[in-house]
PDB file of N, CA and C in Angstrom:
ATOM      1  N   UNK A   1       0.840  -1.175   0.000  1.00  0.00           N
ATOM      2  CA  UNK A   1       0.000   0.000   0.000  1.00  0.00           C
ATOM      3  C   UNK A   1       0.890   1.245   0.000  1.00  0.00           C
ATOM      4  N   UNK A   2       0.538   2.213  -0.823  1.00  0.00           N
ATOM      5  CA  UNK A   2       1.334   3.438  -0.916  1.00  0.00           C
ATOM      6  C   UNK A   2       1.074   4.316   0.298  1.00  0.00           C
ATOM      7  N   UNK A   3       2.046   5.129   0.642  1.00  0.00           N
ATOM      8  CA  UNK A   3       1.860   6.063   1.748  1.00  0.00           C
ATOM      9  C   UNK A   3       1.028   7.270   1.313  1.00  0.00           C
ATOM     10  N   UNK A   4       1.041   7.580  -0.008  1.00  0.00           N
ATOM     11  CA  UNK A   4       0.244   8.681  -0.546  1.00  0.00           C
ATOM     12  C   UNK A   4      -0.342   8.271  -1.885  1.00  0.00           C
ATOM     13  N   UNK A   5      -1.512   8.811  -2.181  1.00  0.00           N
ATOM     14  CA  UNK A   5      -2.163   8.555  -3.466  1.00  0.00           C
ATOM     15  C   UNK A   5      -2.455   9.881  -4.149  1.00  0.00           C
ATOM     16  N   UNK A   6      -2.316   9.917  -5.476  1.00  0.00           N
ATOM     17  CA  UNK A   6      -2.617  11.115  -6.252  1.00  0.00           C
ATOM     18  C   UNK A   6      -4.059  11.004  -6.744  1.00  0.00           C
ATOM     19  N   UNK A   7      -4.959  11.773  -6.145  1.00  0.00           N
ATOM     20  CA  UNK A   7      -6.368  11.731  -6.495  1.00  0.00           C
ATOM     21  C   UNK A   7      -6.768  12.852  -7.442  1.00  0.00           C
ATOM     22  N   UNK A   8      -5.786  13.626  -7.931  1.00  0.00           N
ATOM     23  CA  UNK A   8      -6.097  14.778  -8.777  1.00  0.00           C
ATOM     24  C   UNK A   8      -6.705  14.362 -10.119  1.00  0.00           C
ATOM     25  N   UNK A   9      -6.388  13.209 -10.621  1.00  0.00           N
ATOM     26  CA  UNK A   9      -6.923  12.773 -11.911  1.00  0.00           C
ATOM     27  C   UNK A   9      -8.211  11.954 -11.761  1.00  0.00           C
ATOM     28  N   UNK A  10      -8.642  11.744 -10.548  1.00  0.00           N
ATOM     29  CA  UNK A  10      -9.846  10.942 -10.292  1.00  0.00           C
ATOM     30  C   UNK A  10     -11.099  11.746 -10.639  1.00  0.00           C
ATOM     31  N   UNK A  11     -12.045  11.122 -11.322  1.00  0.00           N
ATOM     32  CA  UNK A  11     -13.285  11.784 -11.688  1.00  0.00           C
ATOM     33  C   UNK A  11     -14.307  11.575 -10.574  1.00  0.00           C
ATOM     34  N   UNK A  12     -15.003  12.659 -10.225  1.00  0.00           N
ATOM     35  CA  UNK A  12     -16.040  12.530  -9.207  1.00  0.00           C
ATOM     36  C   UNK A  12     -17.375  12.298  -9.893  1.00  0.00           C
ATOM     37  N   UNK A  13     -18.284  11.674  -9.196  1.00  0.00           N
ATOM     38  CA  UNK A  13     -19.612  11.396  -9.743  1.00  0.00           C
ATOM     39  C   UNK A  13     -20.643  11.355  -8.634  1.00  0.00           C
ATOM     40  N   UNK A  14     -21.890  11.305  -9.052  1.00  0.00           N
ATOM     41  CA  UNK A  14     -22.959  11.234  -8.067  1.00  0.00           C
ATOM     42  C   UNK A  14     -22.988   9.850  -7.435  1.00  0.00           C
ATOM     43  N   UNK A  15     -23.393   9.805  -6.195  1.00  0.00           N
ATOM     44  CA  UNK A  15     -23.569   8.538  -5.503  1.00  0.00           C
ATOM     45  C   UNK A  15     -24.813   7.861  -6.075  1.00  0.00           C
ATOM     46  N   UNK A  16     -24.679   6.688  -6.687  1.00  0.00           N
ATOM     47  CA  UNK A  16     -25.841   6.044  -7.299  1.00  0.00           C
ATOM     48  C   UNK A  16     -26.855   5.549  -6.270  1.00  0.00           C
ATOM     49  N   UNK A  17     -26.479   5.451  -5.020  1.00  0.00           N
ATOM     50  CA  UNK A  17     -27.370   4.947  -3.976  1.00  0.00           C
ATOM     51  C   UNK A  17     -28.045   6.052  -3.183  1.00  0.00           C
ATOM     52  N   UNK A  18     -27.643   7.304  -3.405  1.00  0.00           N
ATOM     53  CA  UNK A  18     -28.140   8.420  -2.594  1.00  0.00           C
ATOM     54  C   UNK A  18     -29.656   8.552  -2.684  1.00  0.00           C
ATOM     55  N   UNK A  19     -30.222   8.386  -3.868  1.00  0.00           N
ATOM     56  CA  UNK A  19     -31.670   8.558  -4.010  1.00  0.00           C
ATOM     57  C   UNK A  19     -32.453   7.455  -3.314  1.00  0.00           C
ATOM     58  N   UNK A  20     -31.821   6.331  -3.039  1.00  0.00           N
ATOM     59  CA  UNK A  20     -32.498   5.214  -2.380  1.00  0.00           C
ATOM     60  C   UNK A  20     -32.432   5.301  -0.861  1.00  0.00           C
ATOM     61  N   UNK A  21     -31.596   6.191  -0.346  1.00  0.00           N
ATOM     62  CA  UNK A  21     -31.412   6.276   1.096  1.00  0.00           C
ATOM     63  C   UNK A  21     -32.577   6.989   1.778  1.00  0.00           C
ATOM     64  N   UNK A  22     -32.978   8.135   1.274  1.00  0.00           N
ATOM     65  CA  UNK A  22     -34.043   8.918   1.892  1.00  0.00           C
ATOM     66  C   UNK A  22     -34.904   9.531   0.809  1.00  0.00           C
ATOM     67  N   UNK A  23     -36.173   9.740   1.149  1.00  0.00           N
ATOM     68  CA  UNK A  23     -37.114  10.392   0.247  1.00  0.00           C
ATOM     69  C   UNK A  23     -37.568  11.689   0.886  1.00  0.00           C
ATOM     70  N   UNK A  24     -37.722  12.731   0.077  1.00  0.00           N
ATOM     71  CA  UNK A  24     -38.211  14.020   0.561  1.00  0.00           C
ATOM     72  C   UNK A  24     -39.727  13.945   0.668  1.00  0.00           C
ATOM     73  N   UNK A  25     -40.263  14.340   1.817  1.00  0.00           N
ATOM     74  CA  UNK A  25     -41.710  14.384   2.026  1.00  0.00           C
ATOM     75  C   UNK A  25     -42.078  15.709   2.681  1.00  0.00           C
ATOM     76  N   UNK A  26     -43.327  16.078   2.512  1.00  0.00           N
ATOM     77  CA  UNK A  26     -43.859  17.243   3.197  1.00  0.00           C
ATOM     78  C   UNK A  26     -44.896  16.729   4.187  1.00  0.00           C
ATOM     79  N   UNK A  27     -44.794  17.125   5.428  1.00  0.00           N
ATOM     80  CA  UNK A  27     -45.696  16.655   6.463  1.00  0.00           C
ATOM     81  C   UNK A  27     -46.051  17.822   7.369  1.00  0.00           C
ATOM     82  N   UNK A  28     -47.299  17.906   7.744  1.00  0.00           N
ATOM     83  CA  UNK A  28     -47.729  18.955   8.670  1.00  0.00           C
ATOM     84  C   UNK A  28     -47.632  18.412  10.088  1.00  0.00           C
ATOM     85  N   UNK A  29     -46.943  19.154  10.944  1.00  0.00           N
ATOM     86  CA  UNK A  29     -46.755  18.736  12.326  1.00  0.00           C
ATOM     87  C   UNK A  29     -47.140  19.884  13.246  1.00  0.00           C
ATOM     88  N   UNK A  30     -47.644  19.527  14.415  1.00  0.00           N
ATOM     89  CA  UNK A  30     -47.979  20.543  15.408  1.00  0.00           C
ATOM     90  C   UNK A  30     -46.698  21.235  15.871  1.00  0.00           C
ATOM     91  N   UNK A  31     -46.855  22.495  16.240  1.00  0.00           N
ATOM     92  CA  UNK A  31     -45.717  23.280  16.694  1.00  0.00           C
ATOM     93  C   UNK A  31     -45.031  22.704  17.918  1.00  0.00           C
ATOM     94  N   UNK A  32     -45.821  22.142  18.849  1.00  0.00           N
ATOM     95  CA  UNK A  32     -45.221  21.582  20.056  1.00  0.00           C
ATOM     96  C   UNK A  32     -44.369  20.351  19.748  1.00  0.00           C
ATOM     97  N   UNK A  33     -44.745  19.605  18.718  1.00  0.00           N
ATOM     98  CA  UNK A  33     -43.958  18.426  18.336  1.00  0.00           C
ATOM     99  C   UNK A  33     -42.621  18.870  17.751  1.00  0.00           C
ATOM    100  N   UNK A  34     -42.663  19.856  16.866  1.00  0.00           N
ATOM    101  CA  UNK A  34     -41.429  20.376  16.272  1.00  0.00           C
ATOM    102  C   UNK A  34     -40.532  20.972  17.344  1.00  0.00           C
ATOM    103  N   UNK A  35     -41.131  21.721  18.271  1.00  0.00           N
ATOM    104  CA  UNK A  35     -40.350  22.336  19.348  1.00  0.00           C
ATOM    105  C   UNK A  35     -39.698  21.278  20.236  1.00  0.00           C
ATOM    106  N   UNK A  36     -40.397  20.179  20.479  1.00  0.00           N
ATOM    107  CA  UNK A  36     -39.842  19.073  21.277  1.00  0.00           C
ATOM    108  C   UNK A  36     -38.566  18.543  20.628  1.00  0.00           C
ATOM    109  N   UNK A  37     -38.638  18.269  19.318  1.00  0.00           N
ATOM    110  CA  UNK A  37     -37.466  17.730  18.632  1.00  0.00           C
ATOM    111  C   UNK A  37     -36.369  18.778  18.455  1.00  0.00           C
ATOM    112  N   UNK A  38     -36.744  20.049  18.290  1.00  0.00           N
ATOM    113  CA  UNK A  38     -35.721  21.109  18.205  1.00  0.00           C
ATOM    114  C   UNK A  38     -34.989  21.251  19.531  1.00  0.00           C
ATOM    115  N   UNK A  39     -35.720  21.145  20.629  1.00  0.00           N
ATOM    116  CA  UNK A  39     -35.094  21.209  21.950  1.00  0.00           C
ATOM    117  C   UNK A  39     -34.131  20.037  22.141  1.00  0.00           C
ATOM    118  N   UNK A  40     -34.571  18.848  21.734  1.00  0.00           N
ATOM    119  CA  UNK A  40     -33.710  17.672  21.819  1.00  0.00           C
ATOM    120  C   UNK A  40     -32.495  17.841  20.915  1.00  0.00           C
ATOM    121  N   UNK A  41     -32.693  18.511  19.767  1.00  0.00           N
ATOM    122  CA  UNK A  41     -31.605  18.777  18.841  1.00  0.00           C
ATOM    123  C   UNK A  41     -30.547  19.667  19.485  1.00  0.00           C
ATOM    124  N   UNK A  42     -31.000  20.687  20.207  1.00  0.00           N
ATOM    125  CA  UNK A  42     -30.056  21.573  20.903  1.00  0.00           C
ATOM    126  C   UNK A  42     -29.257  20.820  21.946  1.00  0.00           C
ATOM    127  N   UNK A  43     -29.890  19.851  22.609  1.00  0.00           N
ATOM    128  CA  UNK A  43     -29.207  19.070  23.650  1.00  0.00           C
ATOM    129  C   UNK A  43     -28.201  18.080  23.069  1.00  0.00           C
ATOM    130  N   UNK A  44     -28.544  17.497  21.905  1.00  0.00           N
ATOM    131  CA  UNK A  44     -27.715  16.423  21.361  1.00  0.00           C
ATOM    132  C   UNK A  44     -26.772  16.867  20.254  1.00  0.00           C
ATOM    133  N   UNK A  45     -27.090  18.002  19.591  1.00  0.00           N
ATOM    134  CA  UNK A  45     -26.290  18.434  18.454  1.00  0.00           C
ATOM    135  C   UNK A  45     -26.655  17.723  17.163  1.00  0.00           C
ATOM    136  N   UNK A  46     -27.735  16.929  17.185  1.00  0.00           N
ATOM    137  CA  UNK A  46     -28.211  16.216  15.997  1.00  0.00           C
ATOM    138  C   UNK A  46     -29.340  17.043  15.392  1.00  0.00           C
ATOM    139  N   UNK A  47     -29.357  17.277  14.079  1.00  0.00           N
ATOM    140  CA  UNK A  47     -30.441  18.058  13.475  1.00  0.00           C
ATOM    141  C   UNK A  47     -31.810  17.464  13.808  1.00  0.00           C
ATOM    142  N   UNK A  48     -32.791  18.352  14.042  1.00  0.00           N
ATOM    143  CA  UNK A  48     -34.088  17.862  14.500  1.00  0.00           C
ATOM    144  C   UNK A  48     -34.772  16.974  13.462  1.00  0.00           C
ATOM    145  N   UNK A  49     -34.544  17.225  12.162  1.00  0.00           N
ATOM    146  CA  UNK A  49     -35.132  16.362  11.144  1.00  0.00           C
ATOM    147  C   UNK A  49     -34.563  14.951  11.248  1.00  0.00           C
ATOM    148  N   UNK A  50     -33.275  14.855  11.568  1.00  0.00           N
ATOM    149  CA  UNK A  50     -32.646  13.546  11.742  1.00  0.00           C
ATOM    150  C   UNK A  50     -33.212  12.841  12.968  1.00  0.00           C
ATOM    151  N   UNK A  51     -33.463  13.588  14.039  1.00  0.00           N
ATOM    152  CA  UNK A  51     -34.048  12.985  15.236  1.00  0.00           C
ATOM    153  C   UNK A  51     -35.444  12.442  14.956  1.00  0.00           C
ATOM    154  N   UNK A  52     -36.243  13.198  14.206  1.00  0.00           N
ATOM    155  CA  UNK A  52     -37.582  12.725  13.850  1.00  0.00           C
ATOM    156  C   UNK A  52     -37.460  11.462  13.006  1.00  0.00           C
ATOM    157  N   UNK A  53     -36.547  11.450  12.037  1.00  0.00           N
ATOM    158  CA  UNK A  53     -36.335  10.278  11.197  1.00  0.00           C
ATOM    159  C   UNK A  53     -35.881   9.082  12.030  1.00  0.00           C
ATOM    160  N   UNK A  54     -34.968   9.296  12.957  1.00  0.00           N
ATOM    161  CA  UNK A  54     -34.495   8.208  13.817  1.00  0.00           C
ATOM    162  C   UNK A  54     -35.627   7.648  14.668  1.00  0.00           C
ATOM    163  N   UNK A  55     -36.456   8.545  15.224  1.00  0.00           N
ATOM    164  CA  UNK A  55     -37.566   8.102  16.072  1.00  0.00           C
ATOM    165  C   UNK A  55     -38.584   7.298  15.261  1.00  0.00           C
ATOM    166  N   UNK A  56     -38.976   7.813  14.108  1.00  0.00           N
ATOM    167  CA  UNK A  56     -39.951   7.098  13.282  1.00  0.00           C
ATOM    168  C   UNK A  56     -39.368   5.783  12.768  1.00  0.00           C
ATOM    169  N   UNK A  57     -38.086   5.779  12.437  1.00  0.00           N
ATOM    170  CA  UNK A  57     -37.428   4.544  12.014  1.00  0.00           C
ATOM    171  C   UNK A  57     -37.418   3.503  13.116  1.00  0.00           C
ATOM    172  N   UNK A  58     -37.203   3.944  14.361  1.00  0.00           N
ATOM    173  CA  UNK A  58     -37.227   3.033  15.499  1.00  0.00           C
ATOM    174  C   UNK A  58     -38.634   2.458  15.698  1.00  0.00           C
ATOM    175  N   UNK A  59     -39.645   3.305  15.532  1.00  0.00           N
ATOM    176  CA  UNK A  59     -41.040   2.830  15.638  1.00  0.00           C
ATOM    177  C   UNK A  59     -41.319   1.768  14.581  1.00  0.00           C
ATOM    178  N   UNK A  60     -40.877   2.011  13.353  1.00  0.00           N
ATOM    179  CA  UNK A  60     -41.106   1.059  12.270  1.00  0.00           C
ATOM    180  C   UNK A  60     -40.337  -0.240  12.501  1.00  0.00           C
ATOM    181  N   UNK A  61     -39.101  -0.139  12.964  1.00  0.00           N
ATOM    182  CA  UNK A  61     -38.278  -1.327  13.186  1.00  0.00           C
ATOM    183  C   UNK A  61     -38.848  -2.224  14.273  1.00  0.00           C
ATOM    184  N   UNK A  62     -39.495  -1.613  15.274  1.00  0.00           N
ATOM    185  CA  UNK A  62     -40.064  -2.382  16.385  1.00  0.00           C
ATOM    186  C   UNK A  62     -41.566  -2.595  16.252  1.00  0.00           C
ATOM    187  N   UNK A  63     -42.118  -2.259  15.087  1.00  0.00           N
ATOM    188  CA  UNK A  63     -43.542  -2.458  14.789  1.00  0.00           C
ATOM    189  C   UNK A  63     -44.446  -1.879  15.871  1.00  0.00           C
ATOM    190  N   UNK A  64     -44.096  -0.675  16.324  1.00  0.00           N
ATOM    191  CA  UNK A  64     -44.912  -0.027  17.353  1.00  0.00           C
ATOM    192  C   UNK A  64     -46.216   0.444  16.740  1.00  0.00           C
ATOM    193  N   UNK A  65     -47.294   0.270  17.483  1.00  0.00           N
ATOM    194  CA  UNK A  65     -48.620   0.710  17.047  1.00  0.00           C
ATOM    195  C   UNK A  65     -49.037   1.900  17.897  1.00  0.00           C
ATOM    196  N   UNK A  66     -49.692   2.866  17.276  1.00  0.00           N
ATOM    197  CA  UNK A  66     -50.159   4.042  17.994  1.00  0.00           C
ATOM    198  C   UNK A  66     -51.505   3.733  18.648  1.00  0.00           C
ATOM    199  N   UNK A  67     -51.721   4.264  19.830  1.00  0.00           N
ATOM    200  CA  UNK A  67     -52.990   4.112  20.541  1.00  0.00           C
ATOM    201  C   UNK A  67     -53.916   5.234  20.068  1.00  0.00           C
ATOM    202  N   UNK A  68     -54.908   4.888  19.280  1.00  0.00           N
ATOM    203  CA  UNK A  68     -55.802   5.888  18.705  1.00  0.00           C
ATOM    204  C   UNK A  68     -57.068   6.087  19.516  1.00  0.00           C
ATOM    205  N   UNK A  69     -57.089   5.630  20.748  1.00  0.00           N
ATOM    206  CA  UNK A  69     -58.244   5.886  21.607  1.00  0.00           C
ATOM    207  C   UNK A  69     -58.095   7.290  22.162  1.00  0.00           C
ATOM    208  N   UNK A  70     -59.045   8.152  21.842  1.00  0.00           N
ATOM    209  CA  UNK A  70     -58.987   9.540  22.266  1.00  0.00           C
ATOM    210  C   UNK A  70     -59.741   9.712  23.564  1.00  0.00           C
ATOM    211  N   UNK A  71     -59.187  10.481  24.467  1.00  0.00           N
ATOM    212  CA  UNK A  71     -59.866  10.793  25.713  1.00  0.00           C
ATOM    213  C   UNK A  71     -60.860  11.919  25.454  1.00  0.00           C
ATOM    214  N   UNK A  72     -62.067  11.820  26.034  1.00  0.00           N
ATOM    215  CA  UNK A  72     -63.051  12.883  25.809  1.00  0.00           C
ATOM    216  C   UNK A  72     -62.607  14.180  26.474  1.00  0.00           C
ATOM    217  N   UNK A  73     -63.021  15.290  25.892  1.00  0.00           N
ATOM    218  CA  UNK A  73     -62.733  16.594  26.484  1.00  0.00           C
ATOM    219  C   UNK A  73     -63.490  16.706  27.802  1.00  0.00           C
ATOM    220  N   UNK A  74     -63.021  17.539  28.689  1.00  0.00           N
ATOM    221  CA  UNK A  74     -63.650  17.705  29.997  1.00  0.00           C
ATOM    222  C   UNK A  74     -65.127  18.073  29.830  1.00  0.00           C
ATOM    223  N   UNK A  75     -65.996  17.345  30.534  1.00  0.00           N
ATOM    224  CA  UNK A  75     -67.421  17.645  30.512  1.00  0.00           C
ATOM    225  C   UNK A  75     -68.167  17.063  29.323  1.00  0.00           C
ATOM    226  N   UNK A  76     -67.513  16.301  28.469  1.00  0.00           N
ATOM    227  CA  UNK A  76     -68.184  15.713  27.310  1.00  0.00           C
ATOM    228  C   UNK A  76     -68.262  14.199  27.468  1.00  0.00           C
ATOM    229  N   UNK A  77     -69.329  13.640  26.907  1.00  0.00           N
ATOM    230  CA  UNK A  77     -69.491  12.186  26.947  1.00  0.00           C
ATOM    231  C   UNK A  77     -68.560  11.548  25.921  1.00  0.00           C
ATOM    232  N   UNK A  78     -68.020  10.377  26.234  1.00  0.00           N
ATOM    233  CA  UNK A  78     -67.193   9.697  25.233  1.00  0.00           C
ATOM    234  C   UNK A  78     -68.062   9.215  24.069  1.00  0.00           C
ATOM    235  N   UNK A  79     -67.532   9.274  22.878  1.00  0.00           N
ATOM    236  CA  UNK A  79     -68.256   8.795  21.716  1.00  0.00           C
ATOM    237  C   UNK A  79     -68.095   7.294  21.599  1.00  0.00           C
ATOM    238  N   UNK A  80     -69.128   6.605  21.106  1.00  0.00           N
ATOM    239  CA  UNK A  80     -68.985   5.160  20.924  1.00  0.00           C
ATOM    240  C   UNK A  80     -67.970   4.875  19.813  1.00  0.00           C
ATOM    241  N   UNK A  81     -67.370   3.683  19.841  1.00  0.00           N
ATOM    242  CA  UNK A  81     -66.384   3.351  18.791  1.00  0.00           C
ATOM    243  C   UNK A  81     -67.024   3.372  17.413  1.00  0.00           C
ATOM    244  N   UNK A  82     -66.238   3.698  16.422  1.00  0.00           N
ATOM    245  CA  UNK A  82     -66.694   3.750  15.034  1.00  0.00           C
ATOM    246  C   UNK A  82     -67.009   2.341  14.561  1.00  0.00           C
ATOM    247  N   UNK A  83     -68.192   2.140  13.992  1.00  0.00           N
ATOM    248  CA  UNK A  83     -68.564   0.832  13.477  1.00  0.00           C
ATOM    249  C   UNK A  83     -68.213   0.777  12.009  1.00  0.00           C
ATOM    250  N   UNK A  84     -67.628  -0.356  11.613  1.00  0.00           N
ATOM    251  CA  UNK A  84     -67.290  -0.550  10.206  1.00  0.00           C
ATOM    252  C   UNK A  84     -68.351  -1.423   9.563  1.00  0.00           C
ATOM    253  N   UNK A  85     -68.566  -1.222   8.307  1.00  0.00           N
ATOM    254  CA  UNK A  85     -69.520  -2.044   7.577  1.00  0.00           C
ATOM    255  C   UNK A  85     -68.864  -3.370   7.266  1.00  0.00           C
ATOM    256  N   UNK A  86     -69.621  -4.417   7.367  1.00  0.00           N
ATOM    257  CA  UNK A  86     -68.985  -5.683   7.080  1.00  0.00           C
ATOM    258  C   UNK A  86     -69.889  -6.731   6.857  1.00  0.00           C
TER     259      UNK A  86
END
């Protein structure tokens, strides 16, 4: 192995795998959610978009399911579960 290599004649090119790594999406998020990840970003030094991606990736990897049971607002009766046709 050489101690030095001459890379001046090497041609650069686009990474052929870059487009497969991440996809650009637009998503609407509540301000408090963004602020939570921005605060965590300040603590860790990791960009908040990366933290959101890491968190969602962890959820997907562990097949976590969201609890969609909503608590009724104060003073309101709970609504019955949605019935599906079948």
